[in-house]
Amino acid sequence: MTQDEKWILKYNEVMDFIKMNKRNPSKHRLEEHNMLNWLKASRKLINAGKMKPERVKMFEELQALMEEPFQYGRLAEAKSFIDRIDDRRELKNFLRK
């Protein structure tokens, strides 16, 4: 297996993980450490200017996905919860009239 194939395999693993779990890999879960190490190593290569341009583009897409707070992560759940509270308050105020 070539280095390109290994990189794409790990890229797909991280991308699938984020889409399936709707969160980023956690440093608190041992089974997710390999993904975090790969992300960290990839960032270092980009910062050093040593990553291939096509990989940089793919990694930027992955980072954009990781930074979508309302689609992936607990902020979406919190926003939904706040919306439900607001709806209940509106109903309560309406019923008081």
Foldseek 3Di string as FASTA:
>chain_A
DDPVVVLVVLLVVQQVCCVVQLAHQDPVDPVRVVNVVSLVVVVVCVVVVNDDPVVVVSVVVVVVSNPPDCRGDCVVVVVVVVVVVVVVVVVVVVVVD
